[in-house]
Amino acid sequence: HGGAGGLANVTTIAPGTPAASALASATAKVNVKGGRGHFFGLWVGNVHAHMVDEAALRREFEQYGELCVSKVHGVPPVNILPDSSSAFVNFCTYEAADTARHALQGRTVAGVGPLKINPSDYMQLYEEELRAHQAS
């Protein structure tokens, strides 16, 4: 598979199902971020600041879901780190971040790449909680 946009790894969670309950439980357990709105960050490697426009990078990622709002989440939607040739892209939902991670991994976008994408520490913790809840 992998049809439109390479979304073969997307999982849909129907409301009222055990998976939806697991997702809600995992969110509640890890949603302690000092009062700011929760968000799901992706570390994106091979992003060279002199080669990429932040707005272009943002457009590529926001196709997969809503990005953070600085005033609400306390973090910018896209933060390019010039000293490390990387960036953080911050999504409002786990589903959007996970979809973007799988869709853009290894791709060249906005003139940079191939992208190496890893979940943030918070997103990894969320995934561990989700797996633990699904296994129980």
N, C-alpha and C. Protein backbone atom coordinates (compact mmCIF):
# COMPACT_ATOMS: atom_id res chain seq x y z
N HIS A 1 0.83 -1.19 0.00
CA HIS A 1 0.00 0.00 0.00
C HIS A 1 0.87 1.24 0.00
N GLY A 2 0.39 2.31 0.66
CA GLY A 2 1.15 3.53 0.72
C GLY A 2 0.57 4.58 -0.18
N GLY A 3 -0.53 4.32 -0.84
CA GLY A 3 -1.21 5.19 -1.78
C GLY A 3 -1.03 6.67 -1.58
N ALA A 4 -2.09 7.41 -1.53
CA ALA A 4 -2.07 8.87 -1.50
C ALA A 4 -1.24 9.39 -0.34
N GLY A 5 -0.12 10.01 -0.67
CA GLY A 5 0.69 10.65 0.34
C GLY A 5 1.49 9.69 1.21
N GLY A 6 1.53 8.40 0.89
CA GLY A 6 2.31 7.45 1.65
C GLY A 6 1.81 7.26 3.07
N LEU A 7 0.53 7.19 3.27
CA LEU A 7 -0.04 7.10 4.60
C LEU A 7 -0.35 5.67 5.02
N ALA A 8 0.47 4.72 4.63
CA ALA A 8 0.20 3.32 4.91
C ALA A 8 0.25 2.99 6.40
N ASN A 9 0.98 3.76 7.19
CA ASN A 9 1.16 3.45 8.60
C ASN A 9 0.18 4.17 9.52
N VAL A 10 -0.86 4.75 8.97
CA VAL A 10 -1.82 5.51 9.77
C VAL A 10 -2.82 4.56 10.41
N THR A 11 -3.06 4.76 11.70
CA THR A 11 -4.05 3.97 12.42
C THR A 11 -5.19 4.89 12.82
N THR A 12 -6.41 4.51 12.49
CA THR A 12 -7.57 5.28 12.90
C THR A 12 -8.12 4.68 14.19
N ILE A 13 -8.40 5.54 15.16
CA ILE A 13 -8.93 5.08 16.44
C ILE A 13 -10.37 5.56 16.55
N ALA A 14 -11.28 4.60 16.58
CA ALA A 14 -12.71 4.94 16.66
C ALA A 14 -13.09 5.28 18.09
N PRO A 15 -13.92 6.32 18.27
CA PRO A 15 -14.38 6.68 19.62
C PRO A 15 -15.12 5.52 20.28
N GLY A 16 -14.95 5.39 21.59
CA GLY A 16 -15.66 4.37 22.34
C GLY A 16 -15.03 2.99 22.30
N THR A 17 -13.92 2.84 21.60
CA THR A 17 -13.24 1.54 21.52
C THR A 17 -12.17 1.44 22.60
N PRO A 18 -11.68 0.23 22.87
CA PRO A 18 -10.58 0.09 23.84
C PRO A 18 -9.35 0.93 23.45
N ALA A 19 -9.08 1.04 22.16
CA ALA A 19 -7.93 1.84 21.71
C ALA A 19 -8.13 3.31 22.06
N ALA A 20 -9.35 3.80 21.91
CA ALA A 20 -9.65 5.20 22.26
C ALA A 20 -9.47 5.42 23.76
N SER A 21 -9.90 4.44 24.54
CA SER A 21 -9.73 4.51 25.99
C SER A 21 -8.25 4.51 26.36
N ALA A 22 -7.47 3.67 25.69
CA ALA A 22 -6.03 3.60 25.94
C ALA A 22 -5.37 4.93 25.59
N LEU A 23 -5.80 5.52 24.50
CA LEU A 23 -5.25 6.81 24.07
C LEU A 23 -5.55 7.89 25.09
N ALA A 24 -6.78 7.93 25.58
CA ALA A 24 -7.17 8.93 26.58
C ALA A 24 -6.38 8.73 27.87
N SER A 25 -6.21 7.47 28.28
CA SER A 25 -5.47 7.18 29.49
C SER A 25 -4.00 7.58 29.36
N ALA A 26 -3.41 7.26 28.22
CA ALA A 26 -2.01 7.62 27.99
C ALA A 26 -1.84 9.13 27.98
N THR A 27 -2.80 9.83 27.38
CA THR A 27 -2.74 11.29 27.34
C THR A 27 -2.79 11.85 28.75
N ALA A 28 -3.69 11.33 29.57
CA ALA A 28 -3.84 11.83 30.93
C ALA A 28 -2.57 11.60 31.75
N LYS A 29 -1.93 10.45 31.57
CA LYS A 29 -0.74 10.12 32.37
C LYS A 29 0.45 11.01 32.03
N VAL A 30 0.61 11.37 30.78
CA VAL A 30 1.80 12.13 30.40
C VAL A 30 1.51 13.60 30.15
N ASN A 31 0.28 14.02 30.37
CA ASN A 31 -0.09 15.41 30.10
C ASN A 31 0.21 16.32 31.31
N VAL A 32 1.46 16.32 31.73
CA VAL A 32 1.88 17.17 32.84
C VAL A 32 3.04 18.01 32.32
N LYS A 33 2.73 19.14 31.75
CA LYS A 33 3.75 19.97 31.11
C LYS A 33 3.80 21.37 31.72
N GLY A 34 3.74 21.47 33.03
CA GLY A 34 3.88 22.76 33.69
C GLY A 34 2.79 23.77 33.32
N GLY A 35 1.59 23.30 33.09
CA GLY A 35 0.47 24.20 32.85
C GLY A 35 0.26 24.59 31.41
N ARG A 36 1.21 24.33 30.53
CA ARG A 36 1.00 24.69 29.13
C ARG A 36 0.26 23.56 28.43
N GLY A 37 -0.31 23.87 27.28
CA GLY A 37 -1.02 22.85 26.52
C GLY A 37 -0.08 21.73 26.09
N HIS A 38 -0.58 20.50 26.07
CA HIS A 38 0.30 19.41 25.65
C HIS A 38 0.55 19.49 24.15
N PHE A 39 1.71 18.96 23.75
CA PHE A 39 2.07 18.96 22.33
C PHE A 39 2.97 17.76 22.08
N PHE A 40 3.13 17.42 20.82
CA PHE A 40 3.92 16.27 20.41
C PHE A 40 4.97 16.74 19.42
N GLY A 41 6.22 16.73 19.86
CA GLY A 41 7.30 17.25 19.05
C GLY A 41 8.02 16.18 18.26
N LEU A 42 8.49 16.58 17.11
CA LEU A 42 9.35 15.73 16.29
C LEU A 42 10.69 16.43 16.13
N TRP A 43 11.77 15.68 16.38
CA TRP A 43 13.11 16.17 16.07
C TRP A 43 13.35 15.81 14.61
N VAL A 44 13.77 16.79 13.83
CA VAL A 44 13.96 16.58 12.39
C VAL A 44 15.41 16.91 12.05
N GLY A 45 16.16 15.90 11.63
CA GLY A 45 17.56 16.09 11.27
C GLY A 45 17.74 16.34 9.78
N ASN A 46 18.94 16.81 9.42
CA ASN A 46 19.31 17.19 8.04
C ASN A 46 18.58 18.44 7.59
N VAL A 47 18.30 19.32 8.53
CA VAL A 47 17.67 20.60 8.22
C VAL A 47 18.74 21.68 8.41
N HIS A 48 19.31 22.13 7.32
CA HIS A 48 20.37 23.12 7.37
C HIS A 48 19.76 24.51 7.27
N ALA A 49 19.98 25.33 8.30
CA ALA A 49 19.32 26.64 8.41
C ALA A 49 19.54 27.52 7.19
N HIS A 50 20.72 27.45 6.59
CA HIS A 50 21.00 28.31 5.43
C HIS A 50 20.33 27.80 4.15
N MET A 51 19.74 26.61 4.20
CA MET A 51 19.13 26.02 3.00
C MET A 51 17.61 25.96 3.06
N VAL A 52 17.02 26.24 4.20
CA VAL A 52 15.57 26.04 4.33
C VAL A 52 14.90 27.31 4.85
N ASP A 53 13.72 27.54 4.35
CA ASP A 53 12.87 28.62 4.81
C ASP A 53 11.91 28.03 5.84
N GLU A 54 11.84 28.64 7.02
CA GLU A 54 10.99 28.11 8.09
C GLU A 54 9.54 27.97 7.65
N ALA A 55 9.04 28.95 6.91
CA ALA A 55 7.64 28.90 6.45
C ALA A 55 7.42 27.72 5.50
N ALA A 56 8.40 27.44 4.65
CA ALA A 56 8.28 26.31 3.72
C ALA A 56 8.27 24.98 4.48
N LEU A 57 9.14 24.88 5.48
CA LEU A 57 9.18 23.65 6.29
C LEU A 57 7.86 23.48 7.04
N ARG A 58 7.35 24.57 7.57
CA ARG A 58 6.07 24.53 8.28
C ARG A 58 4.95 24.04 7.35
N ARG A 59 4.90 24.58 6.13
CA ARG A 59 3.86 24.16 5.17
C ARG A 59 3.92 22.67 4.90
N GLU A 60 5.11 22.12 4.78
CA GLU A 60 5.26 20.68 4.52
C GLU A 60 4.67 19.85 5.66
N PHE A 61 4.96 20.24 6.90
CA PHE A 61 4.53 19.45 8.05
C PHE A 61 3.06 19.68 8.39
N GLU A 62 2.56 20.90 8.22
CA GLU A 62 1.18 21.16 8.64
C GLU A 62 0.15 20.51 7.73
N GLN A 63 0.59 19.91 6.63
CA GLN A 63 -0.32 19.11 5.81
C GLN A 63 -0.85 17.91 6.59
N TYR A 64 -0.15 17.51 7.64
CA TYR A 64 -0.49 16.30 8.38
C TYR A 64 -1.27 16.58 9.66
N GLY A 65 -1.47 17.85 9.96
CA GLY A 65 -2.25 18.19 11.14
C GLY A 65 -1.84 19.52 11.72
N GLU A 66 -2.59 19.95 12.72
CA GLU A 66 -2.39 21.27 13.32
C GLU A 66 -1.09 21.34 14.11
N LEU A 67 -0.32 22.38 13.82
CA LEU A 67 0.91 22.63 14.56
C LEU A 67 0.60 23.49 15.79
N CYS A 68 1.52 23.48 16.74
CA CYS A 68 1.35 24.24 17.98
C CYS A 68 1.22 25.73 17.73
N VAL A 69 0.62 26.38 18.71
CA VAL A 69 0.51 27.84 18.74
C VAL A 69 1.34 28.29 19.94
N SER A 70 2.32 29.15 19.72
CA SER A 70 3.23 29.56 20.80
C SER A 70 2.51 30.04 22.05
N LYS A 71 1.46 30.84 21.90
CA LYS A 71 0.74 31.41 23.05
C LYS A 71 0.05 30.33 23.88
N VAL A 72 -0.37 29.26 23.24
CA VAL A 72 -1.10 28.18 23.93
C VAL A 72 -0.15 27.13 24.48
N HIS A 73 0.80 26.70 23.66
CA HIS A 73 1.64 25.56 24.00
C HIS A 73 2.99 25.94 24.59
N GLY A 74 3.38 27.20 24.45
CA GLY A 74 4.66 27.63 25.00
C GLY A 74 5.86 27.27 24.15
N VAL A 75 5.61 26.74 22.97
CA VAL A 75 6.68 26.39 22.03
C VAL A 75 6.27 26.86 20.63
N PRO A 76 7.25 27.18 19.79
CA PRO A 76 6.90 27.56 18.42
C PRO A 76 6.49 26.34 17.61
N PRO A 77 5.71 26.52 16.53
CA PRO A 77 5.34 25.38 15.70
C PRO A 77 6.55 24.74 15.04
N VAL A 78 7.49 25.57 14.59
CA VAL A 78 8.73 25.09 13.97
C VAL A 78 9.88 25.87 14.59
N ASN A 79 10.91 25.15 15.03
CA ASN A 79 12.08 25.78 15.62
C ASN A 79 13.32 25.20 14.95
N ILE A 80 13.92 25.96 14.04
CA ILE A 80 15.13 25.51 13.36
C ILE A 80 16.32 25.81 14.25
N LEU A 81 17.16 24.79 14.46
CA LEU A 81 18.34 24.91 15.32
C LEU A 81 19.58 24.96 14.43
N PRO A 82 20.05 26.15 14.07
CA PRO A 82 21.12 26.27 13.08
C PRO A 82 22.42 25.59 13.49
N ASP A 83 22.75 25.55 14.78
CA ASP A 83 24.01 24.96 15.21
C ASP A 83 24.04 23.44 15.08
N SER A 84 22.87 22.81 14.98
CA SER A 84 22.85 21.35 14.92
C SER A 84 22.26 20.81 13.62
N SER A 85 21.98 21.69 12.66
CA SER A 85 21.38 21.26 11.38
C SER A 85 20.13 20.42 11.61
N SER A 86 19.32 20.88 12.56
CA SER A 86 18.08 20.16 12.86
C SER A 86 17.00 21.16 13.23
N ALA A 87 15.81 20.61 13.45
CA ALA A 87 14.67 21.45 13.84
C ALA A 87 13.74 20.63 14.72
N PHE A 88 12.90 21.32 15.45
CA PHE A 88 11.78 20.68 16.12
C PHE A 88 10.51 21.18 15.45
N VAL A 89 9.60 20.24 15.17
CA VAL A 89 8.29 20.57 14.64
C VAL A 89 7.29 20.05 15.67
N ASN A 90 6.43 20.92 16.15
CA ASN A 90 5.55 20.60 17.27
C ASN A 90 4.08 20.58 16.86
N PHE A 91 3.45 19.43 17.06
CA PHE A 91 2.05 19.21 16.69
C PHE A 91 1.15 19.25 17.91
N CYS A 92 -0.12 19.57 17.68
CA CYS A 92 -1.13 19.59 18.75
C CYS A 92 -1.57 18.19 19.15
N THR A 93 -1.51 17.24 18.22
CA THR A 93 -1.99 15.89 18.52
C THR A 93 -0.95 14.84 18.18
N TYR A 94 -1.03 13.74 18.91
CA TYR A 94 -0.14 12.62 18.65
C TYR A 94 -0.36 12.07 17.24
N GLU A 95 -1.62 11.93 16.86
CA GLU A 95 -1.94 11.34 15.55
C GLU A 95 -1.29 12.13 14.41
N ALA A 96 -1.36 13.45 14.48
CA ALA A 96 -0.77 14.28 13.43
C ALA A 96 0.75 14.13 13.40
N ALA A 97 1.37 14.15 14.57
CA ALA A 97 2.83 14.00 14.64
C ALA A 97 3.26 12.64 14.11
N ASP A 98 2.55 11.60 14.51
CA ASP A 98 2.90 10.25 14.08
C ASP A 98 2.72 10.08 12.57
N THR A 99 1.65 10.64 12.02
CA THR A 99 1.41 10.57 10.58
C THR A 99 2.52 11.29 9.82
N ALA A 100 2.88 12.49 10.27
CA ALA A 100 3.95 13.26 9.62
C ALA A 100 5.27 12.51 9.70
N ARG A 101 5.55 11.93 10.86
CA ARG A 101 6.81 11.19 11.05
C ARG A 101 6.94 10.08 10.01
N HIS A 102 5.90 9.30 9.84
CA HIS A 102 5.96 8.18 8.89
C HIS A 102 5.94 8.65 7.44
N ALA A 103 5.17 9.69 7.16
CA ALA A 103 5.04 10.17 5.78
C ALA A 103 6.31 10.86 5.27
N LEU A 104 7.03 11.55 6.15
CA LEU A 104 8.16 12.37 5.71
C LEU A 104 9.52 11.77 6.02
N GLN A 105 9.56 10.66 6.76
CA GLN A 105 10.83 10.02 7.09
C GLN A 105 11.62 9.70 5.82
N GLY A 106 12.85 10.19 5.73
CA GLY A 106 13.71 9.88 4.59
C GLY A 106 13.44 10.69 3.34
N ARG A 107 12.44 11.55 3.37
CA ARG A 107 12.08 12.35 2.20
C ARG A 107 12.86 13.66 2.18
N THR A 108 12.96 14.25 1.01
CA THR A 108 13.51 15.59 0.86
C THR A 108 12.33 16.53 0.72
N VAL A 109 12.24 17.52 1.61
CA VAL A 109 11.14 18.49 1.57
C VAL A 109 11.70 19.89 1.75
N ALA A 110 11.06 20.84 1.16
CA ALA A 110 11.44 22.26 1.27
C ALA A 110 12.93 22.45 0.98
N GLY A 111 13.48 21.61 0.10
CA GLY A 111 14.87 21.75 -0.31
C GLY A 111 15.89 21.15 0.63
N VAL A 112 15.45 20.44 1.68
CA VAL A 112 16.39 19.82 2.61
C VAL A 112 16.06 18.35 2.82
N GLY A 113 17.07 17.60 3.21
CA GLY A 113 16.86 16.19 3.47
C GLY A 113 18.04 15.38 3.00
N PRO A 114 17.91 14.06 2.99
CA PRO A 114 16.72 13.34 3.43
C PRO A 114 16.49 13.54 4.93
N LEU A 115 15.22 13.73 5.29
CA LEU A 115 14.88 14.00 6.68
C LEU A 115 15.07 12.76 7.54
N LYS A 116 15.64 12.96 8.70
CA LYS A 116 15.74 11.92 9.72
C LYS A 116 14.86 12.41 10.86
N ILE A 117 13.76 11.70 11.13
CA ILE A 117 12.76 12.18 12.08
C ILE A 117 12.65 11.23 13.26
N ASN A 118 12.76 11.79 14.45
CA ASN A 118 12.60 11.02 15.69
C ASN A 118 11.58 11.72 16.58
N PRO A 119 10.82 10.93 17.35
CA PRO A 119 9.87 11.55 18.28
C PRO A 119 10.61 12.21 19.44
N SER A 120 10.03 13.26 19.99
CA SER A 120 10.60 13.92 21.17
C SER A 120 10.52 12.96 22.36
N ASP A 121 11.21 13.31 23.44
CA ASP A 121 11.16 12.49 24.65
C ASP A 121 9.73 12.34 25.14
N TYR A 122 8.98 13.43 25.12
CA TYR A 122 7.58 13.41 25.57
C TYR A 122 6.75 12.46 24.71
N MET A 123 6.96 12.52 23.40
CA MET A 123 6.20 11.65 22.50
C MET A 123 6.58 10.19 22.72
N GLN A 124 7.86 9.92 22.99
CA GLN A 124 8.28 8.55 23.29
C GLN A 124 7.62 8.05 24.57
N LEU A 125 7.55 8.89 25.58
CA LEU A 125 6.88 8.52 26.83
C LEU A 125 5.41 8.22 26.58
N TYR A 126 4.78 9.06 25.78
CA TYR A 126 3.37 8.87 25.43
C TYR A 126 3.18 7.51 24.74
N GLU A 127 4.08 7.18 23.80
CA GLU A 127 3.97 5.89 23.09
C GLU A 127 4.17 4.72 24.04
N GLU A 128 5.08 4.85 24.99
CA GLU A 128 5.29 3.78 25.98
C GLU A 128 4.04 3.58 26.83
N GLU A 129 3.44 4.68 27.28
CA GLU A 129 2.20 4.59 28.07
C GLU A 129 1.08 3.96 27.25
N LEU A 130 0.99 4.34 25.99
CA LEU A 130 -0.05 3.81 25.12
C LEU A 130 0.12 2.30 24.94
N ARG A 131 1.37 1.86 24.66
CA ARG A 131 1.64 0.43 24.50
C ARG A 131 1.35 -0.34 25.79
N ALA A 132 1.75 0.22 26.93
CA ALA A 132 1.52 -0.45 28.21
C ALA A 132 0.03 -0.61 28.48
N HIS A 133 -0.74 0.40 28.17
CA HIS A 133 -2.19 0.34 28.41
C HIS A 133 -2.84 -0.66 27.46
N GLN A 134 -2.37 -0.70 26.21
CA GLN A 134 -2.94 -1.64 25.23
C GLN A 134 -2.61 -3.08 25.60
N ALA A 135 -1.45 -3.30 26.23
CA ALA A 135 -1.03 -4.65 26.59
C ALA A 135 -1.77 -5.16 27.82
N SER A 136 -2.33 -4.26 28.62
CA SER A 136 -2.98 -4.69 29.87
C SER A 136 -4.44 -5.02 29.65
